Amino acid sequence: MRKIIIIFIFLTTAITISCNNSENKTEKTTSESIKEPTNKVLLSSQIQWEKLNPARGDQSPQAGTIWGDRNKEVPTGFLAKFIDGFSSPPHIHNVTYRAIVISGSIHNDDPKAKNMWMKPGSFWTQPAGESHITSAKGAENIALVEIDKGPYLVKPIDKAFDNGERPINIDVSNIIWLDHYATNWITTNSDAEISFLWKSKSINQHKGLFIKLPNGFNGALKTNGNIVHAVIIKGLLNYTMPQTDEVKDLDTGSYFGSIDNTIHKVSNNTNKEVLIYMRTNGDVKIEETKQH
């Protein structure tokens, strides 16, 4: 039976990350500009869907690539879409993946485990080589799937192996949130929150985090990493393109990213919060411009 993550692991990870570079430094203001911005967006309506596992024919879930290429040896993020009542046969993957529920209810666990339906905003990991099943229920069931290196393959359970990793299931209700009192990644005048989900041991120190922007938020997400991939998990985000000042409405499943030190000017003009998943190899500063 898959273990549910223990809360103190989150706290340890969050404190470790948020305390890095805690000395006061001169911060650029959101009014500054980047000379050659690399910001780009992909609307959910622009995603191209195809079969995730062509060998299953019409029984296969659908997949829509957001960044990378799951058929090549590169980091990749894609959306996986499951029909209501979907349940896969027991299988393994050749690579470890992380996933976040965007819509519907998804169960991912050992073939003999009881259903544990994860709602939008839940996070799980699936180690390479471990036998498991994936099920879904709901009118629309979509998850963001992320791998560090492809190709992403589906194999029978007689190819199972233990790579030393252990799976994690984190229900949305168990996510630990930090405000500006707990992390210096958020300016003191902001009601935004952040949750650190994972961090790699590699020299580049890739990390994944949730960013929660309250209704009425207006400001910027400043990044100093040369890799930024962000997906809207919940809500509607207004994103201003620095090249043209055009405002893009990013709904659930939409993407924004950059490949250099960048300012992402964003706002939430709805009466609901916006939840963003971000993968980066740098730090993030959430700066809010309060309206007077």
Protein backbone atom coordinates (compact mmCIF):
# COMPACT_ATOMS: atom_id res chain seq x y z
CA MET A 1 0.00 0.00 0.00
CA ARG A 2 1.41 3.35 -0.97
CA LYS A 3 2.58 5.52 1.89
CA ILE A 4 1.10 8.97 2.40
CA ILE A 5 3.76 11.63 2.86
CA ILE A 6 4.43 12.72 6.42
CA ILE A 7 3.94 16.39 7.12
CA PHE A 8 7.34 16.98 8.72
CA ILE A 9 9.04 16.11 5.43
CA PHE A 10 7.33 19.09 3.86
CA LEU A 11 8.31 21.35 6.71
CA THR A 12 11.94 20.26 6.56
CA THR A 13 12.10 20.75 2.80
CA ALA A 14 10.30 24.09 2.94
CA ILE A 15 12.53 25.47 5.69
CA THR A 16 15.67 24.31 3.93
CA ILE A 17 14.73 25.92 0.63
CA SER A 18 13.26 29.12 2.03
CA CYS A 19 16.32 29.75 4.19
CA ASN A 20 18.74 29.53 1.28
CA ASN A 21 20.26 32.92 0.48
CA SER A 22 18.33 34.44 3.37
CA GLU A 23 20.65 37.44 3.67
CA ASN A 24 19.09 40.69 2.58
CA LYS A 25 19.97 41.58 -1.00
CA THR A 26 19.03 44.49 -3.20
CA GLU A 27 16.00 43.39 -5.20
CA LYS A 28 15.01 44.73 -8.59
CA THR A 29 11.54 46.23 -8.71
CA THR A 30 8.78 44.87 -10.91
CA SER A 31 8.91 48.07 -12.93
CA GLU A 32 12.32 47.07 -14.31
CA SER A 33 12.47 45.32 -17.64
CA ILE A 34 14.54 42.55 -19.17
CA LYS A 35 16.43 43.65 -22.28
CA GLU A 36 15.75 40.47 -24.25
CA PRO A 37 12.85 38.67 -22.56
CA THR A 38 12.41 34.98 -23.32
CA ASN A 39 8.87 34.71 -21.92
CA LYS A 40 6.52 32.41 -23.79
CA VAL A 41 3.04 31.02 -23.24
CA LEU A 42 0.99 28.10 -24.48
CA LEU A 43 -2.79 28.29 -24.15
CA SER A 44 -4.69 25.15 -23.20
CA SER A 45 -6.63 25.52 -26.46
CA GLN A 46 -3.37 25.23 -28.41
CA ILE A 47 -2.33 21.88 -26.95
CA GLN A 48 -2.17 19.06 -29.49
CA TRP A 49 -3.61 15.77 -28.21
CA GLU A 50 -2.50 12.27 -29.20
CA LYS A 51 -2.58 8.74 -27.77
CA LEU A 52 -0.42 8.34 -24.67
CA ASN A 53 -0.02 4.59 -25.24
CA PRO A 54 -0.77 3.83 -28.91
CA ALA A 55 -0.50 0.08 -28.24
CA ARG A 56 -3.85 0.26 -26.40
CA GLY A 57 -5.64 1.81 -29.35
CA ASP A 58 -8.92 3.53 -28.42
CA GLN A 59 -8.43 2.47 -24.79
CA SER A 60 -5.39 4.71 -24.48
CA PRO A 61 -5.48 7.96 -22.49
CA GLN A 62 -4.77 11.14 -24.42
CA ALA A 63 -1.54 13.13 -24.04
CA GLY A 64 -0.77 16.76 -24.83
CA THR A 65 2.85 17.91 -24.70
CA ILE A 66 3.56 21.22 -22.97
CA TRP A 67 7.34 21.26 -22.97
CA GLY A 68 10.01 18.79 -24.09
CA ASP A 69 9.33 15.50 -25.87
CA ARG A 70 8.40 12.37 -23.93
CA ASN A 71 9.79 10.21 -26.75
CA LYS A 72 13.29 11.68 -26.39
CA GLU A 73 15.94 11.87 -23.67
CA VAL A 74 14.88 15.31 -22.42
CA PRO A 75 12.89 16.69 -19.47
CA THR A 76 9.22 16.79 -20.44
CA GLY A 77 5.88 17.97 -19.14
CA PHE A 78 2.61 16.82 -20.66
CA LEU A 79 -1.07 16.62 -19.83
CA ALA A 80 -2.68 13.19 -19.55
CA LYS A 81 -6.43 12.97 -20.11
CA PHE A 82 -8.51 9.98 -18.94
CA ILE A 83 -12.13 9.13 -19.70
CA ASP A 84 -14.64 8.56 -16.90
CA GLY A 85 -14.23 5.04 -15.54
CA PHE A 86 -10.75 4.53 -16.98
CA SER A 87 -8.60 1.90 -15.27
CA SER A 88 -5.30 0.70 -16.65
CA PRO A 89 -3.99 -2.85 -16.37
CA PRO A 90 -1.04 -3.28 -14.00
CA HIS A 91 2.10 -1.93 -15.67
CA ILE A 92 5.43 -0.21 -15.08
CA HIS A 93 7.28 2.73 -16.58
CA ASN A 94 10.95 2.85 -17.44
CA VAL A 95 11.31 6.30 -15.86
CA THR A 96 10.07 7.95 -12.69
CA TYR A 97 7.37 10.57 -13.08
CA ARG A 98 5.68 13.20 -10.94
CA ALA A 99 2.07 14.22 -11.44
CA ILE A 100 -0.51 16.74 -10.30
CA VAL A 101 -4.27 16.35 -10.60
CA ILE A 102 -5.80 19.22 -12.57
CA SER A 103 -9.40 18.04 -12.90
CA GLY A 104 -11.56 15.08 -11.92
CA SER A 105 -10.47 12.31 -9.54
CA ILE A 106 -7.45 10.08 -10.11
CA HIS A 107 -6.23 6.98 -8.30
CA ASN A 108 -2.63 5.80 -8.77
CA ASP A 109 -1.35 2.99 -6.59
CA ASP A 110 -0.35 -0.61 -6.14
CA PRO A 111 -2.71 -2.94 -8.08
CA LYS A 112 -4.06 -4.42 -4.82
CA ALA A 113 -4.56 -1.10 -3.02
CA LYS A 114 -8.00 0.29 -2.28
CA ASN A 115 -9.04 3.33 -4.30
CA MET A 116 -7.71 6.59 -2.92
CA TRP A 117 -9.17 9.27 -5.16
CA MET A 118 -6.99 12.35 -5.49
CA LYS A 119 -8.72 15.65 -6.22
CA PRO A 120 -7.37 18.69 -8.14
CA GLY A 121 -4.24 20.07 -6.52
CA SER A 122 -3.07 16.67 -5.28
CA PHE A 123 0.49 15.52 -6.05
CA TRP A 124 1.98 12.08 -6.53
CA THR A 125 5.13 10.36 -7.71
CA GLN A 126 5.53 7.02 -9.50
CA PRO A 127 8.99 5.39 -9.30
CA ALA A 128 10.41 3.71 -12.36
CA GLY A 129 9.96 -0.04 -12.41
CA GLU A 130 7.16 -0.27 -9.83
CA SER A 131 3.96 -2.10 -10.74
CA HIS A 132 0.86 0.10 -10.41
CA ILE A 133 -2.49 0.99 -11.91
CA THR A 134 -4.06 4.34 -12.75
CA SER A 135 -7.81 4.96 -12.60
CA ALA A 136 -10.02 8.00 -13.13
CA LYS A 137 -13.59 9.07 -12.50
CA GLY A 138 -15.33 12.26 -13.47
CA ALA A 139 -16.60 14.08 -16.54
CA GLU A 140 -13.07 15.38 -17.22
CA ASN A 141 -9.94 13.85 -15.71
CA ILE A 142 -6.63 15.55 -16.43
CA ALA A 143 -3.23 15.40 -14.77
CA LEU A 144 0.06 17.16 -15.41
CA VAL A 145 2.82 14.55 -15.78
CA GLU A 146 6.50 15.47 -15.54
CA ILE A 147 9.64 13.44 -16.24
CA ASP A 148 13.30 14.39 -15.88
CA LYS A 149 14.42 12.32 -18.86
CA GLY A 150 12.64 10.35 -21.56
CA PRO A 151 11.65 8.37 -23.36
CA TYR A 152 8.48 7.66 -21.36
CA LEU A 153 7.49 4.04 -21.98
CA VAL A 154 4.83 1.64 -20.72
CA LYS A 155 6.02 -1.93 -20.03
CA PRO A 156 4.46 -5.15 -18.63
CA ILE A 157 4.87 -6.03 -14.96
CA ASP A 158 7.20 -8.94 -15.73
CA LYS A 159 9.77 -6.19 -16.40
CA ALA A 160 9.30 -4.72 -12.90
CA PHE A 161 12.33 -3.65 -10.86
CA ASP A 162 13.13 -1.72 -7.68
CA ASN A 163 15.10 1.46 -8.31
CA GLY A 164 15.24 2.37 -4.62
CA GLU A 165 12.64 5.13 -4.78
CA ARG A 166 9.33 4.99 -2.95
CA PRO A 167 6.04 6.41 -4.22
CA ILE A 168 4.34 9.41 -2.65
CA ASN A 169 0.69 10.42 -2.62
CA ILE A 170 -0.17 13.85 -1.23
CA ASP A 171 -3.82 14.77 -1.09
CA VAL A 172 -4.60 18.43 -1.73
CA SER A 173 -5.75 18.73 1.90
CA ASN A 174 -2.26 17.78 3.12
CA ILE A 175 -0.32 20.42 1.19
CA ILE A 176 1.72 22.63 3.56
CA TRP A 177 1.58 26.32 2.65
CA LEU A 178 4.08 29.03 3.58
CA ASP A 179 3.31 32.76 3.68
CA HIS A 180 5.65 35.75 3.74
CA TYR A 181 6.33 35.17 7.44
CA ALA A 182 7.77 31.74 6.69
CA THR A 183 9.72 32.33 3.47
CA ASN A 184 11.63 35.26 2.00
CA TRP A 185 10.47 34.23 -1.47
CA ILE A 186 7.31 36.33 -0.89
CA THR A 187 7.34 40.07 -0.26
CA THR A 188 5.92 41.14 3.08
CA ASN A 189 2.98 43.03 1.57
CA SER A 190 1.63 39.99 -0.29
CA ASP A 191 -0.98 37.41 0.68
CA ALA A 192 0.41 34.91 -1.81
CA GLU A 193 1.54 31.50 -0.55
CA ILE A 194 4.05 28.90 -1.69
CA SER A 195 4.57 25.17 -1.15
CA PHE A 196 7.81 23.34 -1.92
CA LEU A 197 7.04 19.89 -3.36
CA TRP A 198 10.40 18.42 -4.35
CA LYS A 199 14.05 19.25 -4.95
CA SER A 200 16.61 17.29 -6.94
CA LYS A 201 20.05 16.33 -5.70
CA SER A 202 21.70 17.30 -8.96
CA ILE A 203 24.12 20.19 -9.24
CA ASN A 204 21.45 22.25 -11.02
CA GLN A 205 19.06 21.77 -8.07
CA HIS A 206 15.83 21.61 -9.99
CA LYS A 207 12.79 22.03 -7.79
CA GLY A 208 9.01 21.93 -8.06
CA LEU A 209 6.66 24.20 -6.17
CA PHE A 210 3.09 25.40 -5.93
CA ILE A 211 2.37 29.12 -6.02
CA LYS A 212 -1.02 30.32 -4.80
CA LEU A 213 -2.11 33.79 -5.85
CA PRO A 214 -5.16 35.23 -4.04
CA ASN A 215 -8.00 37.01 -5.79
CA GLY A 216 -7.02 40.55 -6.68
CA PHE A 217 -3.30 39.75 -6.89
CA ASN A 218 -1.35 42.07 -9.16
CA GLY A 219 2.40 41.87 -9.43
CA ALA A 220 5.19 39.68 -10.73
CA LEU A 221 6.99 36.38 -10.34
CA LYS A 222 10.70 37.11 -10.69
CA THR A 223 12.96 34.18 -11.54
CA ASN A 224 16.72 33.86 -11.86
CA GLY A 225 16.81 30.30 -13.20
CA ASN A 226 17.52 29.49 -16.82
CA ILE A 227 14.73 26.92 -16.73
CA VAL A 228 11.18 27.93 -15.81
CA HIS A 229 8.15 25.81 -16.67
CA ALA A 230 4.82 26.82 -15.11
CA VAL A 231 1.33 25.37 -15.57
CA ILE A 232 -2.00 26.75 -14.33
CA ILE A 233 -3.50 24.06 -12.12
CA LYS A 234 -6.56 26.03 -11.03
CA GLY A 235 -8.08 29.39 -11.87
CA LEU A 236 -7.58 32.06 -14.54
CA LEU A 237 -4.33 34.01 -14.67
CA ASN A 238 -3.80 37.23 -16.62
CA TYR A 239 -0.28 37.18 -18.07
CA THR A 240 1.34 40.22 -19.69
CA MET A 241 3.78 39.47 -22.50
CA PRO A 242 6.83 41.73 -22.02
CA GLN A 243 7.58 41.84 -25.73
CA THR A 244 4.21 43.38 -26.69
CA ASP A 245 2.35 44.19 -23.44
CA GLU A 246 -0.42 41.93 -24.73
CA VAL A 247 -2.41 40.33 -21.92
CA LYS A 248 -3.01 36.58 -22.27
CA ASP A 249 -5.76 34.84 -20.34
CA LEU A 250 -4.24 31.59 -19.09
CA ASP A 251 -6.89 29.13 -17.97
CA THR A 252 -6.43 25.71 -16.39
CA GLY A 253 -3.84 23.69 -18.27
CA SER A 254 -2.19 26.71 -19.89
CA TYR A 255 1.56 27.27 -19.63
CA PHE A 256 4.13 30.02 -19.31
CA GLY A 257 7.90 29.73 -19.16
CA SER A 258 11.29 31.27 -19.83
CA ILE A 259 14.92 30.32 -20.32
CA ASP A 260 16.67 33.22 -18.62
CA ASN A 261 16.51 35.66 -15.72
CA THR A 262 12.96 36.88 -16.18
CA ILE A 263 10.05 38.87 -14.79
CA HIS A 264 6.63 37.27 -15.28
CA LYS A 265 4.02 40.00 -14.85
CA VAL A 266 0.75 38.42 -13.71
CA SER A 267 -2.57 39.29 -12.11
CA ASN A 268 -5.64 37.53 -10.81
CA ASN A 269 -8.73 39.54 -11.62
CA THR A 270 -11.22 36.88 -10.56
CA ASN A 271 -12.81 36.26 -7.17
CA LYS A 272 -11.05 32.91 -6.83
CA GLU A 273 -7.45 31.98 -6.12
CA VAL A 274 -5.05 30.85 -8.84
CA LEU A 275 -2.84 27.80 -8.32
CA ILE A 276 0.36 27.46 -10.37
CA TYR A 277 2.85 24.61 -10.53
CA MET A 278 6.38 25.75 -11.35
CA ARG A 279 9.54 23.79 -12.15
CA THR A 280 12.77 25.80 -12.05
CA ASN A 281 16.46 25.57 -11.28
CA GLY A 282 16.57 29.00 -9.69
CA ASP A 283 14.90 31.06 -6.99
CA VAL A 284 11.54 32.78 -7.27
CA LYS A 285 10.43 36.10 -5.82
CA ILE A 286 6.71 36.81 -5.56
CA GLU A 287 6.17 40.57 -5.57
CA GLU A 288 2.74 42.12 -5.26
CA THR A 289 1.72 45.66 -6.19
CA LYS A 290 -1.06 46.66 -3.85
CA GLN A 291 -3.85 48.75 -5.37
CA HIS A 292 -4.64 52.02 -3.58
